[in-house]
């Protein structure tokens, strides 16, 4: 079974990116080389960014996290939630707590901290100097050679958002940046081979800022095109960030063209309903440019081990045998000690489960299969079962179905389809599942 390192290598080779380009500002080449060779324990935040620079989403991955790392992700979400609720002081207190963490001085964590300070300062109307001071520090954490890095195109959606935010923050001030810079940034972003879950983080923002450039006839056509793309991307991915502003921008473009008044009215109504929904939940995404809305699939190692061991009806003594001492396992399950990656894998395999720190979801040779998997899920949720059936067939062609895990995935997909279209009765479906899982 391939590890995350092999997956990263294949993605990097496919994009024609050198290790040095991919690592600039975030990792030494030697450390990353060991990760690609599956010889070093994963840094989860580094993998987040590496995948982002490759244009890929971590939403395909399952993370088995130590408790301390899980707590950092939770704290990040809490900070963002406080900002959405306009609880500025509480957000700052959370940032101060974050800064006390021993990992906080690392570049990726410093970038998050500084960009959130910049975002809060901008929303609170603080001076442009204050906002830019935080922002420039954030940018320099992972983009020390920003112009060169832009030329190679090896930047993540999150990093491009920082550059767009700097342009917007400076717009109309004494530190205003050039229109040429924005046009070039937007062009780079649209040319980047981002998958849909990454595009939605930055394409709508790029479309919004493009409206700030004085339009001509050709620019009007271009702005309409990228605004339509942004709106489609937001709807496809089901995201609210930027949605009200994009709806407004698209409606205004159509009004200028004397477009369909009923459709324009629907756009305004959709915007109104979204804003009402945000108000009902006490949040606002307006002008929150740097919100990180990625969805990660997490498991905490201590809880996973304890839950799986209990379900398998194994004692700590039996599970720990030939792997570690019973006392060590007890400390791991209580969360007071972090298991080594090798020990975690051995214990999970002993219980018939996967146990890598990062799992890719299904056993495959090509990342495209993982992308097809998410497409399959989307069509199932939209009740587009014929399209889902086509996608599942494409997945089956790519997988080695002599591997039980792959066969289980395919058969489960077929059962889902048959269940939704009521092709066979429930009892038959259950028997089919039992055949591959029991």
Protein backbone atom coordinates (compact mmCIF):
# COMPACT_ATOMS: atom_id res chain seq x y z
CA UNK A 1 0.00 0.00 0.00
CA UNK A 2 1.38 3.39 -0.95
CA UNK A 3 2.10 5.96 1.72
CA UNK A 4 1.60 9.71 1.61
CA UNK A 5 5.21 10.12 0.48
CA UNK A 6 4.68 8.13 -2.70
CA UNK A 7 1.49 10.04 -3.40
CA UNK A 8 3.31 13.38 -3.01
CA UNK A 9 6.10 12.21 -5.30
CA UNK A 10 3.67 11.21 -8.04
CA UNK A 11 1.75 14.48 -7.80
CA UNK A 12 4.94 16.52 -7.88
CA UNK A 13 6.35 14.62 -10.86
CA UNK A 14 3.07 15.00 -12.74
CA UNK A 15 3.15 18.79 -12.25
CA UNK A 16 6.83 18.97 -13.23
CA UNK A 17 7.83 20.65 -9.95
CA UNK A 18 11.25 20.24 -8.36
CA UNK A 19 11.56 19.51 -4.65
CA UNK A 20 13.42 22.79 -4.12
CA UNK A 21 10.59 24.79 -5.70
CA UNK A 22 7.94 23.00 -3.69
CA UNK A 23 9.77 23.41 -0.36
CA UNK A 24 10.91 27.03 -0.64
CA UNK A 25 9.99 28.88 2.53
CA UNK A 26 8.32 25.94 4.27
CA UNK A 27 10.81 23.08 4.58
CA UNK A 28 14.37 22.04 3.94
CA UNK A 29 14.78 19.87 0.85
CA UNK A 30 16.38 17.10 2.90
CA UNK A 31 13.42 16.93 5.30
CA UNK A 32 10.93 16.88 2.45
CA UNK A 33 12.93 14.20 0.61
CA UNK A 34 12.65 11.97 3.68
CA UNK A 35 8.87 12.57 3.75
CA UNK A 36 8.57 11.60 0.08
CA UNK A 37 10.55 8.46 0.84
CA UNK A 38 8.18 7.69 3.77
CA UNK A 39 11.19 7.81 6.08
CA UNK A 40 10.07 10.64 8.38
CA UNK A 41 7.07 11.24 10.62
CA UNK A 42 4.60 13.60 9.00
CA UNK A 43 4.25 17.26 9.96
CA UNK A 44 0.54 17.72 9.35
CA UNK A 45 0.65 21.48 8.77
CA UNK A 46 3.49 21.04 6.29
CA UNK A 47 1.49 18.45 4.34
CA UNK A 48 -1.47 20.86 4.30
CA UNK A 49 0.71 23.44 2.56
CA UNK A 50 2.57 21.01 0.29
CA UNK A 51 -0.74 19.66 -0.99
CA UNK A 52 -1.97 23.23 -1.44
CA UNK A 53 1.07 24.15 -3.51
CA UNK A 54 0.44 21.12 -5.68
CA UNK A 55 -3.09 22.45 -6.22
CA UNK A 56 -4.63 19.55 -4.34
CA UNK A 57 -7.02 19.41 -1.41
CA UNK A 58 -6.42 17.65 1.91
CA UNK A 59 -10.15 16.88 2.03
CA UNK A 60 -9.29 13.54 0.42
CA UNK A 61 -7.06 12.58 3.35
CA UNK A 62 -7.77 11.14 6.80
CA UNK A 63 -5.48 12.37 9.59
CA UNK A 64 -4.77 10.36 12.75
CA UNK A 65 -3.56 13.16 15.01
CA UNK A 66 -1.84 13.33 18.37
CA UNK A 67 -3.96 15.23 20.86
CA UNK A 68 -1.66 18.28 20.91
CA UNK A 69 -1.89 18.71 17.13
CA UNK A 70 -5.65 18.23 17.17
CA UNK A 71 -5.87 20.99 19.77
CA UNK A 72 -4.03 23.40 17.46
CA UNK A 73 -6.47 22.74 14.63
CA UNK A 74 -9.35 23.24 17.05
CA UNK A 75 -7.85 26.52 18.28
CA UNK A 76 -7.49 27.75 14.71
CA UNK A 77 -11.17 27.06 14.09
CA UNK A 78 -12.12 28.82 17.32
CA UNK A 79 -10.12 31.91 16.32
CA UNK A 80 -11.88 32.05 12.96
CA UNK A 81 -15.27 31.55 14.57
CA UNK A 82 -14.64 34.45 16.96
CA UNK A 83 -13.72 36.69 14.03
CA UNK A 84 -16.89 35.68 12.15
CA UNK A 85 -18.86 36.62 15.27
CA UNK A 86 -17.00 39.95 15.50
CA UNK A 87 -15.67 38.99 18.92
CA UNK A 88 -12.35 40.68 18.26
CA UNK A 89 -10.95 40.68 21.79
CA UNK A 90 -11.81 37.02 22.33
CA UNK A 91 -10.14 36.18 19.02
CA UNK A 92 -7.02 38.06 20.13
CA UNK A 93 -6.98 36.15 23.42
CA UNK A 94 -7.09 32.89 21.46
CA UNK A 95 -4.21 34.13 19.30
CA UNK A 96 -2.20 34.90 22.44
CA UNK A 97 -2.89 31.35 23.62
CA UNK A 98 -1.73 30.07 20.23
CA UNK A 99 1.49 32.08 20.48
CA UNK A 100 2.34 30.27 23.74
CA UNK A 101 2.37 26.91 21.95
CA UNK A 102 5.86 25.51 21.40
CA UNK A 103 5.16 25.16 17.67
CA UNK A 104 4.03 28.75 17.26
CA UNK A 105 7.42 30.05 16.15
CA UNK A 106 7.47 27.77 13.10
CA UNK A 107 6.80 29.61 9.78
CA UNK A 108 3.43 28.03 8.96
CA UNK A 109 2.07 28.80 12.42
CA UNK A 110 3.53 32.32 12.42
CA UNK A 111 1.86 32.91 9.08
CA UNK A 112 -1.54 31.88 10.42
CA UNK A 113 -1.15 34.03 13.54
CA UNK A 114 0.03 37.13 11.67
CA UNK A 115 -2.59 36.87 8.94
CA UNK A 116 -5.36 36.63 11.55
CA UNK A 117 -4.00 39.71 13.32
CA UNK A 118 -3.96 41.48 9.94
CA UNK A 119 -7.53 40.39 9.23
CA UNK A 120 -8.79 41.60 12.63
CA UNK A 121 -6.97 44.92 12.30
CA UNK A 122 -8.51 45.52 8.86
CA UNK A 123 -12.03 44.62 9.99
CA UNK A 124 -11.65 46.92 12.99
CA UNK A 125 -10.54 49.80 10.79
CA UNK A 126 -7.05 50.12 12.21
CA UNK A 127 -4.35 52.03 10.30
CA UNK A 128 -3.05 50.72 6.99
CA UNK A 129 0.43 50.64 8.53
CA UNK A 130 -0.73 48.28 11.29
CA UNK A 131 -2.51 45.94 8.89
CA UNK A 132 0.40 45.87 6.45
CA UNK A 133 2.94 45.24 9.20
CA UNK A 134 1.13 42.03 10.18
CA UNK A 135 0.49 41.14 6.56
CA UNK A 136 4.05 41.57 5.31
CA UNK A 137 5.30 39.43 8.19
CA UNK A 138 2.76 36.74 7.28
CA UNK A 139 3.77 36.78 3.61
CA UNK A 140 7.49 36.54 4.36
CA UNK A 141 7.02 33.42 6.48
CA UNK A 142 6.54 31.13 3.47
CA UNK A 143 7.22 33.45 0.53
CA UNK A 144 10.73 34.86 1.12
CA UNK A 145 11.27 35.08 -2.64
CA UNK A 146 7.70 35.97 -3.55
CA UNK A 147 8.33 37.26 -7.09
CA UNK A 148 10.37 34.20 -8.00
CA UNK A 149 7.83 31.90 -6.41
CA UNK A 150 5.06 33.56 -8.39
CA UNK A 151 6.97 32.98 -11.63
CA UNK A 152 7.19 29.24 -10.94
CA UNK A 153 3.50 29.13 -9.98
CA UNK A 154 4.32 26.96 -6.95
CA UNK A 155 2.07 28.73 -4.45
CA UNK A 156 -1.05 27.53 -2.66
CA UNK A 157 -4.49 29.11 -2.79
CA UNK A 158 -3.92 30.33 0.78
CA UNK A 159 -0.71 32.08 -0.25
CA UNK A 160 -2.34 33.69 -3.28
CA UNK A 161 -5.12 34.92 -0.98
CA UNK A 162 -2.53 36.70 1.15
CA UNK A 163 -1.18 38.50 -1.93
CA UNK A 164 -4.69 39.46 -3.05
CA UNK A 165 -5.48 40.67 0.46
CA UNK A 166 -2.39 42.87 0.48
CA UNK A 167 -3.53 44.42 -2.80
CA UNK A 168 -7.04 45.06 -1.46
CA UNK A 169 -5.84 46.45 1.87
CA UNK A 170 -3.60 48.95 0.06
CA UNK A 171 -6.22 49.89 -2.55
CA UNK A 172 -7.16 53.56 -2.37
CA UNK A 173 -4.44 54.37 0.19
CA UNK A 174 -1.03 56.02 0.01
CA UNK A 175 0.42 52.50 -0.26
CA UNK A 176 -1.78 51.56 -3.23
CA UNK A 177 -0.33 48.84 -5.43
CA UNK A 178 -0.56 48.76 -9.23
CA UNK A 179 -3.43 47.52 -11.35
CA UNK A 180 -0.84 45.57 -13.29
CA UNK A 181 0.03 43.55 -10.17
CA UNK A 182 -3.60 42.57 -9.66
CA UNK A 183 -4.10 41.62 -13.32
CA UNK A 184 -1.00 39.42 -13.17
CA UNK A 185 -2.07 37.80 -9.90
CA UNK A 186 -5.53 37.02 -11.27
CA UNK A 187 -4.03 35.57 -14.44
CA UNK A 188 -1.65 33.36 -12.42
CA UNK A 189 -4.49 32.12 -10.24
CA UNK A 190 -6.71 31.20 -13.18
CA UNK A 191 -3.81 29.43 -14.91
CA UNK A 192 -2.86 27.43 -11.82
CA UNK A 193 -3.91 23.79 -11.92
CA UNK A 194 -6.04 23.98 -8.77
CA UNK A 195 -8.70 21.33 -8.24
CA UNK A 196 -12.21 22.59 -7.50
CA UNK A 197 -11.95 22.40 -3.71
CA UNK A 198 -8.87 24.64 -3.88
CA UNK A 199 -10.15 26.97 -6.60
CA UNK A 200 -13.12 27.97 -4.45
CA UNK A 201 -10.73 29.42 -1.86
CA UNK A 202 -9.29 31.99 -4.23
CA UNK A 203 -11.15 32.26 -7.57
CA UNK A 204 -14.15 34.18 -6.12
CA UNK A 205 -11.81 36.60 -4.33
CA UNK A 206 -9.84 37.18 -7.54
CA UNK A 207 -13.12 37.86 -9.38
CA UNK A 208 -14.24 40.37 -6.74
CA UNK A 209 -11.02 42.34 -6.85
CA UNK A 210 -11.01 42.35 -10.65
CA UNK A 211 -14.10 44.57 -10.48
CA UNK A 212 -11.92 47.26 -8.85
CA UNK A 213 -9.99 47.77 -12.09
CA UNK A 214 -11.57 50.36 -14.37
CA UNK A 215 -13.43 48.28 -16.96
CA UNK A 216 -13.59 48.75 -20.70
CA UNK A 217 -15.73 46.80 -23.16
CA UNK A 218 -13.35 43.82 -23.21
CA UNK A 219 -12.81 44.03 -19.49
CA UNK A 220 -16.60 43.93 -18.97
CA UNK A 221 -16.80 40.65 -20.89
CA UNK A 222 -13.86 39.22 -18.98
CA UNK A 223 -15.29 40.30 -15.63
CA UNK A 224 -18.63 38.68 -16.44
CA UNK A 225 -16.89 35.45 -17.41
CA UNK A 226 -14.80 35.14 -14.26
CA UNK A 227 -17.73 36.19 -12.05
CA UNK A 228 -19.84 33.41 -13.58
CA UNK A 229 -16.99 30.97 -12.99
CA UNK A 230 -16.71 32.11 -9.37
CA UNK A 231 -20.45 31.74 -8.77
CA UNK A 232 -20.51 28.26 -10.31
CA UNK A 233 -17.50 27.23 -8.22
CA UNK A 234 -19.13 28.47 -5.00
CA UNK A 235 -22.37 26.65 -5.77
CA UNK A 236 -20.61 23.42 -6.76
CA UNK A 237 -18.62 23.38 -3.51
CA UNK A 238 -21.41 24.70 -1.30
CA UNK A 239 -19.42 27.59 0.21
CA UNK A 240 -20.75 30.83 1.70
CA UNK A 241 -17.50 32.82 1.85
CA UNK A 242 -17.62 35.48 -0.94
CA UNK A 243 -21.06 34.24 -2.09
CA UNK A 244 -23.15 37.35 -1.18
CA UNK A 245 -20.62 39.67 -2.82
CA UNK A 246 -20.32 37.52 -5.95
CA UNK A 247 -24.11 37.36 -6.26
CA UNK A 248 -24.27 41.16 -6.00
CA UNK A 249 -21.47 41.62 -8.52
CA UNK A 250 -23.08 39.25 -11.02
CA UNK A 251 -26.50 40.89 -10.65
CA UNK A 252 -24.99 44.33 -11.26
CA UNK A 253 -23.17 43.09 -14.36
CA UNK A 254 -26.42 41.67 -15.75
CA UNK A 255 -28.30 44.88 -14.91
CA UNK A 256 -25.72 46.84 -16.88
CA UNK A 257 -26.41 44.54 -19.85
CA UNK A 258 -30.21 44.85 -19.41
CA UNK A 259 -30.29 41.15 -18.66
CA UNK A 260 -33.19 38.93 -17.59
CA UNK A 261 -34.91 40.84 -14.79
CA UNK A 262 -36.45 37.74 -13.23
CA UNK A 263 -33.06 36.02 -13.03
CA UNK A 264 -31.47 39.17 -11.59
CA UNK A 265 -34.23 39.28 -8.99
CA UNK A 266 -33.46 35.66 -8.04
CA UNK A 267 -29.79 36.55 -7.56
CA UNK A 268 -30.69 39.35 -5.16
CA UNK A 269 -33.11 37.09 -3.29
CA UNK A 270 -30.46 34.39 -2.94
CA UNK A 271 -28.05 36.98 -1.53
CA UNK A 272 -30.71 38.19 0.90
CA UNK A 273 -31.43 34.66 2.16
CA UNK A 274 -27.74 33.93 2.71
CA UNK A 275 -27.27 37.13 4.72
CA UNK A 276 -30.37 36.30 6.78
CA UNK A 277 -28.97 32.82 7.42
CA UNK A 278 -25.66 34.28 8.57
CA UNK A 279 -27.55 36.69 10.83
CA UNK A 280 -29.60 33.84 12.33
CA UNK A 281 -26.38 32.05 13.27
CA UNK A 282 -24.70 35.21 14.53
CA UNK A 283 -21.85 35.16 12.01
CA UNK A 284 -20.71 37.28 9.10
CA UNK A 285 -18.24 36.43 6.38
CA UNK A 286 -18.35 39.92 4.89
CA UNK A 287 -14.79 41.12 4.22
CA UNK A 288 -13.36 38.05 6.01
CA UNK A 289 -10.97 37.40 3.14
CA UNK A 290 -8.63 34.94 4.85
CA UNK A 291 -11.11 32.45 6.28
CA UNK A 292 -9.79 28.91 5.90
CA UNK A 293 -12.82 26.77 5.05
CA UNK A 294 -11.09 23.46 4.36
CA UNK A 295 -12.76 20.38 5.81
CA UNK A 296 -10.35 17.83 7.26
CA UNK A 297 -11.18 14.30 8.37
CA UNK A 298 -9.59 13.89 11.83
CA UNK A 299 -9.13 11.05 14.28
CA UNK A 300 -7.29 11.48 17.60
CA UNK A 301 -4.82 8.61 18.03
CA UNK A 302 -5.53 7.98 21.74
CA UNK A 303 -9.30 7.85 21.23
CA UNK A 304 -8.99 5.76 18.06
CA UNK A 305 -6.80 3.15 19.78
CA UNK A 306 -9.00 2.94 22.87
CA UNK A 307 -12.23 2.72 20.86
CA UNK A 308 -10.86 0.13 18.41
CA UNK A 309 -9.32 -2.01 21.18
CA UNK A 310 -12.57 -2.01 23.13
CA UNK A 311 -14.56 -2.98 20.02
CA UNK A 312 -12.08 -5.78 19.31
CA UNK A 313 -12.44 -6.96 22.94
CA UNK A 314 -8.68 -6.92 23.51
CA UNK A 315 -6.95 -6.09 26.76
CA UNK A 316 -4.16 -3.55 26.87
CA UNK A 317 -1.80 -6.39 27.74
CA UNK A 318 -2.66 -8.37 24.61
CA UNK A 319 -2.59 -5.35 22.27
CA UNK A 320 0.73 -4.03 23.55
CA UNK A 321 2.52 -7.41 23.41
CA UNK A 322 5.68 -7.28 21.24
CA UNK A 323 4.98 -3.60 20.47
CA UNK A 324 5.37 -1.62 23.70
CA UNK A 325 4.80 -2.07 27.42
CA UNK A 326 1.29 -2.20 28.81
CA UNK A 327 2.10 0.91 30.85
CA UNK A 328 3.08 2.77 27.68
CA UNK A 329 -0.21 1.82 25.98
CA UNK A 330 -2.12 2.98 29.07
CA UNK A 331 -0.40 6.38 28.87
CA UNK A 332 -1.11 6.58 25.13
CA UNK A 333 -4.80 5.82 25.60
CA UNK A 334 -5.05 8.40 28.36
CA UNK A 335 -3.51 11.01 26.06
CA UNK A 336 -0.44 11.64 28.23
CA UNK A 337 1.97 10.07 25.73
CA UNK A 338 2.08 10.25 21.93
CA UNK A 339 2.51 6.91 20.14
CA UNK A 340 5.28 6.60 17.60
CA UNK A 341 4.02 6.25 14.07
CA UNK A 342 5.45 2.73 13.79
CA UNK A 343 3.81 1.59 17.05
CA UNK A 344 0.47 3.13 16.06
CA UNK A 345 0.59 1.29 12.74
CA UNK A 346 1.49 -2.04 14.39
CA UNK A 347 -1.29 -1.81 16.95
CA UNK A 348 -3.93 -0.83 14.42
CA UNK A 349 -2.86 -3.60 12.04
CA UNK A 350 -3.04 -6.06 14.95
CA UNK A 351 -6.70 -5.05 15.29
CA UNK A 352 -7.33 -5.32 11.55
CA UNK A 353 -7.44 -1.58 10.91
CA UNK A 354 -5.35 0.95 9.00
CA UNK A 355 -3.07 3.02 11.15
CA UNK A 356 -0.92 5.36 9.09
CA UNK A 357 -0.82 8.95 10.34
CA UNK A 358 -2.28 10.02 7.00
CA UNK A 359 -4.51 7.74 4.97
CA UNK A 360 -5.44 8.44 1.35
CA UNK A 361 -8.90 6.92 1.60
CA UNK A 362 -8.59 4.03 -0.84
CA UNK A 363 -5.65 1.99 -2.03
CA UNK A 364 -4.78 3.46 -5.44
CA UNK A 365 -1.84 4.18 -7.69
CA UNK A 366 -3.12 7.46 -9.10
CA UNK A 367 -4.49 10.51 -7.28
CA UNK A 368 -7.09 10.94 -10.02
CA UNK A 369 -8.95 7.99 -8.52
CA UNK A 370 -9.32 9.92 -5.27
CA UNK A 371 -10.73 12.84 -7.24
CA UNK A 372 -13.21 10.52 -8.94
CA UNK A 373 -14.25 9.25 -5.51
CA UNK A 374 -15.29 12.71 -4.40
CA UNK A 375 -17.13 13.23 -7.69
CA UNK A 376 -19.02 10.00 -7.07
CA UNK A 377 -20.11 11.25 -3.63
CA UNK A 378 -21.24 14.59 -5.09
CA UNK A 379 -23.47 12.96 -7.70
CA UNK A 380 -24.96 10.64 -5.07
CA UNK A 381 -25.85 13.62 -2.88
CA UNK A 382 -27.39 15.43 -5.87
CA UNK A 383 -29.47 12.37 -6.80
CA UNK A 384 -27.73 12.24 -10.20
CA UNK A 385 -27.43 8.48 -10.13
CA UNK A 386 -26.62 7.85 -13.80
CA UNK A 387 -23.62 10.17 -13.59
CA UNK A 388 -22.62 8.54 -10.29
CA UNK A 389 -22.79 5.14 -11.99
CA UNK A 390 -20.47 6.34 -14.78
CA UNK A 391 -17.97 7.68 -12.24
CA UNK A 392 -18.05 4.45 -10.23
CA UNK A 393 -17.31 2.47 -13.41
CA UNK A 394 -14.34 4.73 -14.10
CA UNK A 395 -13.06 4.15 -10.55
CA UNK A 396 -13.46 0.39 -10.92
CA UNK A 397 -11.33 0.45 -14.07
CA UNK A 398 -8.50 2.18 -12.19
CA UNK A 399 -8.54 -0.02 -9.08
CA UNK A 400 -7.02 -3.41 -8.51
CA UNK A 401 -10.14 -5.17 -7.28
CA UNK A 402 -8.17 -8.23 -6.20
CA UNK A 403 -7.37 -6.06 -3.18
CA UNK A 404 -10.19 -6.53 -0.67
CA UNK A 405 -10.29 -2.88 0.39
CA UNK A 406 -10.82 -1.76 -3.20
CA UNK A 407 -13.45 -4.42 -3.83
CA UNK A 408 -15.31 -3.32 -0.70
CA UNK A 409 -15.31 0.29 -1.91
CA UNK A 410 -16.72 -0.63 -5.33
CA UNK A 411 -19.36 -2.98 -3.99
CA UNK A 412 -20.45 -0.45 -1.38
CA UNK A 413 -20.84 2.12 -4.16
CA UNK A 414 -22.96 -0.27 -6.20
CA UNK A 415 -25.15 -1.00 -3.18
CA UNK A 416 -25.63 2.75 -2.62
CA UNK A 417 -26.77 3.20 -6.21
CA UNK A 418 -29.14 0.25 -6.12
CA UNK A 419 -30.57 1.44 -2.79
CA UNK A 420 -31.27 4.95 -4.12
CA UNK A 421 -32.86 3.82 -7.37
CA UNK A 422 -34.81 1.07 -5.52
CA UNK A 423 -33.51 -1.55 -7.96
CA UNK A 424 -33.41 -4.34 -5.40
CA UNK A 425 -34.89 -4.91 -1.94
CA UNK A 426 -33.11 -3.99 1.28
CA UNK A 427 -32.53 -7.58 2.38
CA UNK A 428 -30.63 -8.38 -0.81
CA UNK A 429 -28.52 -5.26 -0.38
CA UNK A 430 -27.61 -6.28 3.17
CA UNK A 431 -26.58 -9.74 1.98
CA UNK A 432 -24.31 -8.19 -0.64
CA UNK A 433 -22.62 -6.04 1.98
CA UNK A 434 -22.17 -9.00 4.34
CA UNK A 435 -20.45 -10.92 1.56
CA UNK A 436 -17.58 -8.43 1.44
CA UNK A 437 -17.42 -7.18 5.01
CA UNK A 438 -18.06 -10.26 7.16
